Protein backbone atom coordinates (compact mmCIF):
# COMPACT_ATOMS: atom_id res chain seq x y z
CA MET A 1 -1.95 -8.49 31.52
CA ARG A 2 -1.55 -4.84 30.51
CA ASP A 3 -1.48 -3.72 26.88
CA GLY A 4 1.91 -4.48 25.33
CA GLU A 5 3.04 -6.94 27.99
CA VAL A 6 4.15 -10.43 27.13
CA ALA A 7 2.84 -13.13 29.47
CA SER A 8 5.23 -14.48 32.09
CA MET A 9 8.57 -13.54 30.49
CA LYS A 10 10.95 -11.29 32.32
CA ASP A 11 12.29 -8.24 30.51
CA ILE A 12 15.82 -9.65 30.47
CA GLU A 13 14.56 -12.84 28.80
CA LEU A 14 12.72 -10.79 26.18
CA LYS A 15 15.82 -8.66 25.54
CA LEU A 16 17.93 -11.80 25.11
CA ILE A 17 15.43 -13.33 22.67
CA ALA A 18 15.26 -10.06 20.71
CA GLU A 19 19.05 -9.90 20.41
CA LEU A 20 19.21 -13.55 19.33
CA MET A 21 16.50 -12.88 16.72
CA LYS A 22 18.66 -10.11 15.29
CA ASN A 23 21.80 -12.28 15.29
CA SER A 24 21.84 -15.78 16.77
CA ARG A 25 25.57 -16.09 16.08
CA LYS A 26 26.48 -13.65 18.84
CA SER A 27 28.40 -15.23 21.69
CA ASP A 28 27.03 -15.18 25.22
CA ARG A 29 29.77 -12.67 26.08
CA GLU A 30 28.65 -10.32 23.26
CA LEU A 31 25.00 -10.74 24.27
CA ALA A 32 25.82 -9.98 27.91
CA LYS A 33 27.54 -6.75 26.91
CA THR A 34 24.61 -5.72 24.69
CA ILE A 35 21.89 -6.32 27.28
CA GLY A 36 23.89 -5.28 30.34
CA VAL A 37 24.21 -8.49 32.36
CA SER A 38 26.97 -11.01 33.04
CA GLN A 39 27.92 -13.76 30.61
CA PRO A 40 26.93 -16.54 33.08
CA THR A 41 23.50 -14.89 33.41
CA VAL A 42 23.06 -14.95 29.62
CA THR A 43 24.13 -18.61 29.47
CA ARG A 44 21.72 -19.55 32.28
CA ILE A 45 18.79 -17.66 30.73
CA ARG A 46 19.50 -19.00 27.22
CA THR A 47 19.57 -22.58 28.55
CA LYS A 48 16.31 -22.02 30.42
CA LEU A 49 14.63 -20.56 27.32
CA GLU A 50 15.83 -23.46 25.17
CA LYS A 51 14.58 -26.07 27.66
CA SER A 52 11.19 -24.36 28.03
CA GLY A 53 10.73 -24.19 24.25
CA ALA A 54 10.68 -20.37 24.14
CA ILE A 55 13.67 -20.72 21.79
CA LYS A 56 12.68 -23.38 19.28
CA GLU A 57 15.70 -23.38 16.96
CA TYR A 58 18.64 -21.41 15.68
CA THR A 59 18.72 -20.90 11.95
CA ILE A 60 19.64 -18.56 9.12
CA ILE A 61 17.42 -16.69 6.71
CA PRO A 62 18.96 -17.07 3.26
CA ASP A 63 18.36 -15.09 0.11
CA PHE A 64 15.77 -17.45 -1.35
CA THR A 65 16.38 -16.26 -4.91
CA GLN A 66 19.99 -17.42 -4.65
CA LEU A 67 18.63 -20.86 -3.70
CA GLY A 68 16.58 -20.97 -6.88
CA TYR A 69 13.17 -19.88 -5.58
CA THR A 70 11.44 -17.14 -7.55
CA ILE A 71 7.98 -17.18 -5.93
CA MET A 72 6.66 -17.15 -2.40
CA GLY A 73 3.01 -18.10 -2.07
CA ALA A 74 0.58 -17.47 0.77
CA THR A 75 -2.25 -19.94 0.19
CA LEU A 76 -5.56 -20.00 2.04
CA LEU A 77 -7.86 -22.99 1.88
CA GLU A 78 -10.81 -24.56 3.61
CA VAL A 79 -10.58 -27.99 5.21
CA LYS A 80 -13.92 -29.41 6.24
CA ALA A 81 -14.55 -29.97 9.97
CA LEU A 82 -13.03 -33.27 11.03
CA ASN A 83 -13.62 -35.73 13.80
CA GLU A 84 -10.51 -37.35 15.28
CA GLU A 85 -10.56 -40.36 12.93
CA GLU A 86 -11.00 -38.16 9.84
CA PHE A 87 -8.25 -35.84 11.07
CA GLN A 88 -5.79 -38.74 11.45
CA GLU A 89 -6.70 -40.08 7.99
CA ALA A 90 -6.30 -36.62 6.41
CA ARG A 91 -2.93 -36.23 8.14
CA LYS A 92 -1.73 -39.57 6.73
CA THR A 93 -2.86 -38.58 3.23
CA THR A 94 -1.20 -35.18 3.53
CA ILE A 95 2.08 -36.78 4.66
CA LYS A 96 1.95 -39.17 1.66
CA VAL A 97 1.35 -36.24 -0.71
CA GLU A 98 4.25 -34.30 0.83
CA GLN A 99 6.56 -37.32 0.60
CA ALA A 100 5.63 -37.87 -3.04
CA ALA A 101 6.22 -34.21 -3.91
CA PRO A 102 8.25 -32.41 -1.22
CA HIS A 103 7.88 -28.65 -1.19
CA ALA A 104 9.54 -25.74 0.59
CA ALA A 105 6.86 -24.89 3.14
CA LEU A 106 7.72 -22.14 5.58
CA LEU A 107 4.43 -22.28 7.46
CA ALA A 108 1.39 -24.57 7.57
CA VAL A 109 -1.09 -23.53 10.26
CA ASN A 110 -4.74 -23.43 11.24
CA GLY A 111 -6.45 -20.07 11.08
CA MET A 112 -9.64 -18.26 10.26
CA GLY A 113 -10.79 -15.60 7.85
CA ARG A 114 -12.11 -15.21 4.31
CA HIS A 115 -14.09 -18.44 4.93
CA LYS A 116 -10.82 -20.39 5.13
CA ASN A 117 -9.18 -22.28 7.99
CA ARG A 118 -5.67 -23.16 6.77
CA LEU A 119 -2.70 -21.01 5.74
CA PHE A 120 0.36 -22.24 3.90
CA ILE A 121 3.36 -20.12 3.06
CA SER A 122 5.73 -21.85 0.67
CA PHE A 123 8.54 -21.13 -1.76
CA TYR A 124 8.45 -22.24 -5.39
CA GLU A 125 11.09 -22.41 -8.09
CA ASN A 126 8.65 -21.08 -10.70
CA TYR A 127 4.96 -20.79 -11.52
CA SER A 128 4.82 -24.35 -12.83
CA ASP A 129 6.13 -25.58 -9.46
CA TYR A 130 3.38 -23.55 -7.72
CA ALA A 131 0.68 -24.87 -10.09
CA GLY A 132 1.80 -28.45 -9.41
CA ALA A 133 1.58 -27.88 -5.65
CA MET A 134 -1.95 -26.50 -6.01
CA LYS A 135 -2.95 -29.53 -8.10
CA LEU A 136 -1.72 -31.78 -5.29
CA ALA A 137 -3.54 -29.68 -2.66
CA ARG A 138 -6.79 -30.19 -4.58
CA GLU A 139 -6.25 -33.96 -4.35
CA ILE A 140 -6.15 -33.94 -0.55
CA PRO A 141 -9.41 -35.32 0.84
CA LEU A 142 -11.59 -32.84 2.71
CA VAL A 143 -10.03 -29.80 0.98
CA ASP A 144 -12.54 -27.53 -0.75
CA ALA A 145 -10.76 -27.63 -4.10
CA GLY A 146 -12.67 -24.65 -5.49
CA GLY A 147 -11.91 -22.46 -2.50
CA ILE A 148 -8.13 -22.31 -2.69
CA GLU A 149 -6.80 -18.73 -2.84
CA SER A 150 -3.18 -17.66 -3.16
CA LEU A 151 -1.21 -14.46 -3.13
CA LEU A 152 2.03 -14.93 -5.06
CA VAL A 153 5.11 -12.81 -4.42
CA ASP A 154 7.85 -12.32 -7.00
CA LEU A 155 10.94 -12.65 -4.81
CA SER A 156 13.12 -10.82 -7.34
CA ASP A 157 10.91 -7.72 -7.28
CA GLU A 158 13.22 -4.99 -6.00
CA THR A 159 10.25 -2.89 -4.87
CA ASN A 160 9.32 -5.40 -2.14
CA TYR A 161 9.25 -3.38 1.06
CA ARG A 162 10.45 -5.93 3.61
CA VAL A 163 11.57 -9.48 3.03
CA LEU A 164 11.47 -12.22 5.64
CA SER A 165 13.49 -11.12 8.67
CA MET A 166 13.39 -11.56 12.41
CA SER A 167 15.09 -8.19 12.98
CA ALA A 168 11.91 -6.16 12.53
CA ILE A 169 10.11 -8.30 15.13
CA ALA A 170 13.10 -8.07 17.48
CA ASN A 171 13.22 -4.29 17.15
CA HIS A 172 9.47 -4.07 17.81
CA LEU A 173 9.87 -6.22 20.93
CA LEU A 174 12.71 -4.02 22.22
CA GLU A 175 10.66 -0.87 21.52
CA ARG A 176 7.76 -2.34 23.54
CA LEU A 177 10.13 -2.99 26.43
CA GLU A 178 11.41 0.60 26.26
CA ARG A 179 7.82 1.92 26.33
CA LYS A 180 7.06 -0.29 29.31
CA ASP A 181 10.17 0.98 31.14
CA LYS A 182 9.18 4.60 30.41
CA ASN A 183 5.62 3.98 31.66
CA GLU A 184 6.91 2.36 34.84
CA SER A 185 9.35 5.23 35.38
CA THR A 186 6.56 7.77 34.90
CA CYS A 187 4.32 5.88 37.35
CA THR A 188 7.12 5.68 39.92
CA ALA A 189 7.90 9.40 39.52
CA HIS A 190 4.26 10.27 40.30
CA LEU A 191 4.29 8.30 43.56
């Protein structure tokens, strides 16, 4: 795979995904006009992408402050290496903790860096809500309670550069496709 290419997706599929990321409410007819194909082609490709899991869901991105959240937290923590039995037990405990105190988690994934292997991005109504969530996290077995680190974001801070949006990713994807097209055109012109 060359630099900038996305594995196994056709350009038209990538363009469709990018346009849906910018506005998933567009009709197939509007999308067809934007990307330069027929409406039945858009419908066929969209259905294929949904069935393959390339499109996971359609959703909105609200103004979280209007929903009552004032803080977004990116929390890093270390979970000790687990065998399969320990992993299943930890999962059950985590599910119980989440059921007892549901929280607005945007992301909960494995990762690596800063001697941590888990990342959680969540929204909190206030600092007390965040502190309560961290107290619960420390109660989860196999979590290094002393190694929890968080970066807290004041969602009402008007100097925040870019809030959560799929448009920036969509625009980057479209720009990559344009670069690829230009490179291919240049290569073809030299032949």
